[in-house]
Amino acid sequence: MHFVERERDMMAIGGRLLADAEPEPDVMVIDLAVMDAAWQPEVRAEVIERVLAALAAACGLDQPAPGWWVNFRVIDEGSWGSSGGVLSILPLLQSGVFTEERVKAVRAALGA
């Protein structure tokens, strides 16, 4: 896992710099990168809600802090990965981790 720490005067919530916020808010930004597929808005929302709920549970909280933010970023099929290889969801479709219905939806979204 990679953590990047930012200065409080480089981030804002609700149009207000964190450096000016009192009391100091609990801030966490999660960059969730996924392969391009059938990510309808309601599916994206459910994934974000589950990520926030899991983080809250891991931190021993009943609910996520208001300063937590999830950036849902879609990576195009065939993009270059950090290791220099091409990223593709297609091999994962045969792995058994997706339902047949989801496999069809992903293939339809990709035209594959």
N, C-alpha and C. Protein backbone atom coordinates (compact mmCIF):
# COMPACT_ATOMS: atom_id res chain seq x y z
N MET A 1 0.84 -1.16 0.00
CA MET A 1 0.00 0.00 0.00
C MET A 1 0.89 1.23 0.00
N HIS A 2 0.50 2.26 -0.73
CA HIS A 2 1.30 3.47 -0.86
C HIS A 2 0.55 4.64 -0.26
N PHE A 3 1.18 5.34 0.65
CA PHE A 3 0.56 6.49 1.29
C PHE A 3 1.29 7.75 0.86
N VAL A 4 0.55 8.78 0.51
CA VAL A 4 1.11 10.08 0.17
C VAL A 4 0.55 11.08 1.16
N GLU A 5 1.43 11.73 1.87
CA GLU A 5 0.98 12.71 2.84
C GLU A 5 1.02 14.09 2.20
N ARG A 6 -0.05 14.85 2.36
CA ARG A 6 -0.17 16.20 1.81
C ARG A 6 -0.23 17.21 2.95
N GLU A 7 0.30 18.39 2.71
CA GLU A 7 0.21 19.47 3.68
C GLU A 7 -1.24 19.93 3.78
N ARG A 8 -1.67 20.38 4.95
CA ARG A 8 -3.05 20.80 5.17
C ARG A 8 -3.44 22.01 4.34
N ASP A 9 -2.47 22.81 3.89
CA ASP A 9 -2.81 23.96 3.06
C ASP A 9 -2.88 23.62 1.57
N MET A 10 -2.77 22.31 1.25
CA MET A 10 -2.87 21.85 -0.14
C MET A 10 -4.19 21.14 -0.41
N MET A 11 -5.05 21.00 0.61
CA MET A 11 -6.30 20.27 0.46
C MET A 11 -7.45 21.08 1.04
N ALA A 12 -8.63 20.91 0.44
CA ALA A 12 -9.82 21.61 0.92
C ALA A 12 -11.01 20.66 0.95
N ILE A 13 -11.91 20.89 1.89
CA ILE A 13 -13.17 20.17 1.97
C ILE A 13 -14.26 21.22 2.06
N GLY A 14 -15.23 21.13 1.16
CA GLY A 14 -16.32 22.11 1.16
C GLY A 14 -15.84 23.52 0.89
N GLY A 15 -14.78 23.67 0.09
CA GLY A 15 -14.27 24.99 -0.25
C GLY A 15 -13.44 25.65 0.83
N ARG A 16 -13.09 24.90 1.87
CA ARG A 16 -12.33 25.46 2.99
C ARG A 16 -11.02 24.69 3.15
N LEU A 17 -9.90 25.41 3.20
CA LEU A 17 -8.61 24.76 3.37
C LEU A 17 -8.58 24.00 4.69
N LEU A 18 -7.96 22.82 4.67
CA LEU A 18 -7.85 22.05 5.91
C LEU A 18 -7.02 22.78 6.95
N ALA A 19 -6.08 23.62 6.49
CA ALA A 19 -5.26 24.39 7.43
C ALA A 19 -6.12 25.37 8.23
N ASP A 20 -7.28 25.75 7.68
CA ASP A 20 -8.17 26.69 8.37
C ASP A 20 -9.27 25.99 9.17
N ALA A 21 -9.36 24.68 9.08
CA ALA A 21 -10.45 23.93 9.73
C ALA A 21 -10.10 23.62 11.18
N GLU A 22 -11.03 23.90 12.05
CA GLU A 22 -10.89 23.57 13.47
C GLU A 22 -12.17 22.91 13.93
N PRO A 23 -12.14 21.82 14.64
CA PRO A 23 -10.95 21.07 14.95
C PRO A 23 -10.41 20.39 13.69
N GLU A 24 -9.17 19.96 13.76
CA GLU A 24 -8.53 19.34 12.61
C GLU A 24 -9.30 18.08 12.19
N PRO A 25 -9.79 18.05 10.94
CA PRO A 25 -10.60 16.90 10.50
C PRO A 25 -9.75 15.67 10.21
N ASP A 26 -10.39 14.52 10.27
CA ASP A 26 -9.78 13.25 9.90
C ASP A 26 -9.95 13.12 8.39
N VAL A 27 -8.85 13.21 7.65
CA VAL A 27 -8.92 13.21 6.19
C VAL A 27 -8.21 11.99 5.64
N MET A 28 -8.87 11.33 4.68
CA MET A 28 -8.27 10.21 3.98
C MET A 28 -8.79 10.25 2.54
N VAL A 29 -7.88 10.13 1.57
CA VAL A 29 -8.26 10.08 0.16
C VAL A 29 -7.83 8.73 -0.38
N ILE A 30 -8.77 7.99 -0.92
CA ILE A 30 -8.51 6.66 -1.47
C ILE A 30 -8.66 6.73 -2.97
N ASP A 31 -7.61 6.36 -3.70
CA ASP A 31 -7.65 6.34 -5.16
C ASP A 31 -7.91 4.90 -5.59
N LEU A 32 -9.12 4.65 -6.04
CA LEU A 32 -9.54 3.31 -6.43
C LEU A 32 -9.48 3.22 -7.95
N ALA A 33 -8.50 2.52 -8.47
CA ALA A 33 -8.33 2.38 -9.92
C ALA A 33 -8.87 1.01 -10.34
N VAL A 34 -9.76 1.02 -11.31
CA VAL A 34 -10.38 -0.20 -11.81
C VAL A 34 -10.26 -0.26 -13.32
N MET A 35 -10.33 -1.47 -13.85
CA MET A 35 -10.30 -1.63 -15.31
C MET A 35 -11.63 -1.19 -15.90
N ASP A 36 -11.58 -0.64 -17.10
CA ASP A 36 -12.78 -0.22 -17.81
C ASP A 36 -13.65 -1.44 -18.06
N ALA A 37 -14.89 -1.35 -17.68
CA ALA A 37 -15.84 -2.45 -17.86
C ALA A 37 -17.24 -1.88 -17.69
N ALA A 38 -18.16 -2.68 -17.23
CA ALA A 38 -19.55 -2.24 -17.05
C ALA A 38 -19.71 -1.64 -15.66
N TRP A 39 -19.22 -0.42 -15.46
CA TRP A 39 -19.28 0.26 -14.17
C TRP A 39 -20.39 1.29 -14.18
N GLN A 40 -21.63 0.83 -14.14
CA GLN A 40 -22.77 1.75 -14.09
C GLN A 40 -22.69 2.56 -12.80
N PRO A 41 -23.29 3.78 -12.79
CA PRO A 41 -23.21 4.64 -11.61
C PRO A 41 -23.63 3.96 -10.31
N GLU A 42 -24.67 3.14 -10.36
CA GLU A 42 -25.11 2.48 -9.12
C GLU A 42 -24.10 1.44 -8.64
N VAL A 43 -23.37 0.81 -9.57
CA VAL A 43 -22.33 -0.15 -9.19
C VAL A 43 -21.14 0.59 -8.59
N ARG A 44 -20.76 1.72 -9.20
CA ARG A 44 -19.67 2.53 -8.66
C ARG A 44 -20.01 2.98 -7.24
N ALA A 45 -21.23 3.47 -7.04
CA ALA A 45 -21.66 3.94 -5.72
C ALA A 45 -21.58 2.82 -4.69
N GLU A 46 -22.01 1.62 -5.08
CA GLU A 46 -21.97 0.48 -4.15
C GLU A 46 -20.53 0.12 -3.78
N VAL A 47 -19.63 0.14 -4.76
CA VAL A 47 -18.22 -0.16 -4.49
C VAL A 47 -17.64 0.87 -3.53
N ILE A 48 -17.91 2.15 -3.79
CA ILE A 48 -17.39 3.21 -2.93
C ILE A 48 -17.94 3.06 -1.51
N GLU A 49 -19.24 2.79 -1.38
CA GLU A 49 -19.85 2.60 -0.06
C GLU A 49 -19.21 1.43 0.68
N ARG A 50 -18.95 0.34 -0.04
CA ARG A 50 -18.34 -0.84 0.60
C ARG A 50 -16.91 -0.55 1.03
N VAL A 51 -16.15 0.17 0.21
CA VAL A 51 -14.77 0.52 0.56
C VAL A 51 -14.77 1.38 1.82
N LEU A 52 -15.63 2.40 1.86
CA LEU A 52 -15.70 3.28 3.03
C LEU A 52 -16.14 2.52 4.28
N ALA A 53 -17.12 1.63 4.13
CA ALA A 53 -17.59 0.84 5.27
C ALA A 53 -16.48 -0.07 5.79
N ALA A 54 -15.74 -0.69 4.88
CA ALA A 54 -14.64 -1.58 5.29
C ALA A 54 -13.54 -0.79 6.00
N LEU A 55 -13.24 0.40 5.52
CA LEU A 55 -12.23 1.24 6.18
C LEU A 55 -12.69 1.67 7.56
N ALA A 56 -13.97 2.04 7.67
CA ALA A 56 -14.51 2.43 8.97
C ALA A 56 -14.42 1.26 9.95
N ALA A 57 -14.82 0.08 9.51
CA ALA A 57 -14.75 -1.11 10.38
C ALA A 57 -13.31 -1.39 10.79
N ALA A 58 -12.37 -1.25 9.84
CA ALA A 58 -10.96 -1.51 10.15
C ALA A 58 -10.41 -0.50 11.16
N CYS A 59 -10.98 0.70 11.15
CA CYS A 59 -10.56 1.75 12.10
C CYS A 59 -11.37 1.73 13.38
N GLY A 60 -12.30 0.76 13.51
CA GLY A 60 -13.11 0.66 14.71
C GLY A 60 -14.19 1.72 14.82
N LEU A 61 -14.64 2.24 13.69
CA LEU A 61 -15.68 3.28 13.66
C LEU A 61 -16.99 2.71 13.16
N ASP A 62 -18.10 3.32 13.60
CA ASP A 62 -19.42 2.89 13.13
C ASP A 62 -19.68 3.33 11.70
N GLN A 63 -19.09 4.46 11.30
CA GLN A 63 -19.31 4.98 9.95
C GLN A 63 -18.06 5.74 9.52
N PRO A 64 -17.90 5.95 8.20
CA PRO A 64 -16.74 6.68 7.71
C PRO A 64 -16.75 8.14 8.19
N ALA A 65 -15.57 8.70 8.34
CA ALA A 65 -15.45 10.11 8.72
C ALA A 65 -15.87 10.98 7.52
N PRO A 66 -16.45 12.16 7.78
CA PRO A 66 -16.89 13.02 6.69
C PRO A 66 -15.75 13.50 5.79
N GLY A 67 -14.51 13.45 6.27
CA GLY A 67 -13.37 13.90 5.48
C GLY A 67 -12.74 12.82 4.64
N TRP A 68 -13.36 11.65 4.58
CA TRP A 68 -12.82 10.57 3.74
C TRP A 68 -13.40 10.71 2.34
N TRP A 69 -12.58 10.51 1.34
CA TRP A 69 -12.98 10.69 -0.04
C TRP A 69 -12.45 9.53 -0.88
N VAL A 70 -13.30 8.97 -1.76
CA VAL A 70 -12.88 7.91 -2.66
C VAL A 70 -12.92 8.44 -4.08
N ASN A 71 -11.79 8.36 -4.75
CA ASN A 71 -11.69 8.73 -6.16
C ASN A 71 -11.79 7.44 -6.97
N PHE A 72 -12.90 7.28 -7.69
CA PHE A 72 -13.13 6.07 -8.49
C PHE A 72 -12.62 6.38 -9.90
N ARG A 73 -11.47 5.81 -10.24
CA ARG A 73 -10.81 6.09 -11.51
C ARG A 73 -10.84 4.85 -12.39
N VAL A 74 -11.34 5.02 -13.61
CA VAL A 74 -11.44 3.90 -14.55
C VAL A 74 -10.25 3.94 -15.50
N ILE A 75 -9.55 2.81 -15.59
CA ILE A 75 -8.41 2.67 -16.49
C ILE A 75 -8.89 1.97 -17.76
N ASP A 76 -8.58 2.54 -18.89
CA ASP A 76 -9.01 1.95 -20.16
C ASP A 76 -8.38 0.59 -20.39
N GLU A 77 -9.15 -0.30 -20.99
CA GLU A 77 -8.65 -1.62 -21.39
C GLU A 77 -7.44 -1.40 -22.30
N GLY A 78 -6.36 -2.10 -22.01
CA GLY A 78 -5.16 -1.99 -22.82
C GLY A 78 -4.23 -0.86 -22.41
N SER A 79 -4.48 -0.21 -21.25
CA SER A 79 -3.59 0.84 -20.76
C SER A 79 -2.26 0.23 -20.31
N TRP A 80 -1.27 1.07 -20.21
CA TRP A 80 0.03 0.60 -19.72
C TRP A 80 0.04 0.61 -18.21
N GLY A 81 0.50 -0.47 -17.63
CA GLY A 81 0.58 -0.57 -16.18
C GLY A 81 1.90 -0.04 -15.65
N SER A 82 2.01 0.11 -14.34
CA SER A 82 3.24 0.64 -13.74
C SER A 82 4.43 -0.28 -13.95
N SER A 83 4.16 -1.57 -14.17
CA SER A 83 5.25 -2.51 -14.40
C SER A 83 5.68 -2.54 -15.86
N GLY A 84 5.05 -1.71 -16.70
CA GLY A 84 5.43 -1.65 -18.11
C GLY A 84 4.64 -2.58 -18.99
N GLY A 85 3.76 -3.40 -18.40
CA GLY A 85 2.94 -4.31 -19.20
C GLY A 85 1.59 -3.71 -19.50
N VAL A 86 0.89 -4.30 -20.45
CA VAL A 86 -0.45 -3.84 -20.81
C VAL A 86 -1.44 -4.43 -19.81
N LEU A 87 -2.33 -3.56 -19.28
CA LEU A 87 -3.35 -4.01 -18.34
C LEU A 87 -4.58 -4.47 -19.11
N SER A 88 -5.08 -5.63 -18.78
CA SER A 88 -6.28 -6.14 -19.43
C SER A 88 -7.12 -6.92 -18.44
N ILE A 89 -8.41 -6.70 -18.52
CA ILE A 89 -9.33 -7.44 -17.67
C ILE A 89 -9.72 -8.78 -18.31
N LEU A 90 -9.47 -8.92 -19.60
CA LEU A 90 -9.93 -10.11 -20.32
C LEU A 90 -9.45 -11.43 -19.70
N PRO A 91 -8.18 -11.57 -19.30
CA PRO A 91 -7.78 -12.84 -18.66
C PRO A 91 -8.53 -13.12 -17.36
N LEU A 92 -8.93 -12.07 -16.64
CA LEU A 92 -9.66 -12.27 -15.39
C LEU A 92 -11.06 -12.83 -15.62
N LEU A 93 -11.61 -12.59 -16.80
CA LEU A 93 -12.96 -13.06 -17.08
C LEU A 93 -13.04 -14.59 -17.09
N GLN A 94 -11.91 -15.23 -17.31
CA GLN A 94 -11.86 -16.70 -17.35
C GLN A 94 -11.40 -17.30 -16.03
N SER A 95 -11.19 -16.44 -15.01
CA SER A 95 -10.63 -16.92 -13.75
C SER A 95 -11.66 -17.51 -12.80
N GLY A 96 -12.96 -17.24 -13.06
CA GLY A 96 -14.00 -17.74 -12.18
C GLY A 96 -14.40 -16.79 -11.07
N VAL A 97 -13.75 -15.61 -10.99
CA VAL A 97 -14.10 -14.66 -9.94
C VAL A 97 -15.35 -13.85 -10.27
N PHE A 98 -15.73 -13.84 -11.55
CA PHE A 98 -16.93 -13.11 -11.97
C PHE A 98 -18.05 -14.08 -12.28
N THR A 99 -19.28 -13.66 -12.04
CA THR A 99 -20.43 -14.47 -12.44
C THR A 99 -20.53 -14.43 -13.96
N GLU A 100 -21.23 -15.40 -14.52
CA GLU A 100 -21.39 -15.44 -15.98
C GLU A 100 -22.10 -14.18 -16.47
N GLU A 101 -23.07 -13.71 -15.69
CA GLU A 101 -23.79 -12.48 -16.05
C GLU A 101 -22.83 -11.29 -16.11
N ARG A 102 -21.93 -11.20 -15.13
CA ARG A 102 -20.96 -10.10 -15.11
C ARG A 102 -19.97 -10.22 -16.26
N VAL A 103 -19.55 -11.44 -16.57
CA VAL A 103 -18.64 -11.65 -17.70
C VAL A 103 -19.29 -11.15 -18.99
N LYS A 104 -20.55 -11.46 -19.20
CA LYS A 104 -21.25 -10.99 -20.40
C LYS A 104 -21.35 -9.48 -20.42
N ALA A 105 -21.63 -8.87 -19.27
CA ALA A 105 -21.74 -7.40 -19.20
C ALA A 105 -20.41 -6.73 -19.50
N VAL A 106 -19.31 -7.28 -18.97
CA VAL A 106 -17.99 -6.71 -19.23
C VAL A 106 -17.65 -6.86 -20.70
N ARG A 107 -17.87 -8.05 -21.25
CA ARG A 107 -17.55 -8.26 -22.68
C ARG A 107 -18.39 -7.32 -23.56
N ALA A 108 -19.65 -7.13 -23.21
CA ALA A 108 -20.51 -6.24 -24.00
C ALA A 108 -20.01 -4.79 -23.90
N ALA A 109 -19.58 -4.37 -22.70
CA ALA A 109 -19.09 -3.00 -22.52
C ALA A 109 -17.82 -2.77 -23.30
N LEU A 110 -16.98 -3.80 -23.42
CA LEU A 110 -15.72 -3.69 -24.13
C LEU A 110 -15.84 -4.00 -25.62
N GLY A 111 -16.97 -4.57 -26.01
CA GLY A 111 -17.13 -4.99 -27.40
C GLY A 111 -16.24 -6.19 -27.72
N ALA A 112 -15.99 -7.00 -26.68
CA ALA A 112 -15.07 -8.14 -26.85
C ALA A 112 -15.84 -9.44 -26.93
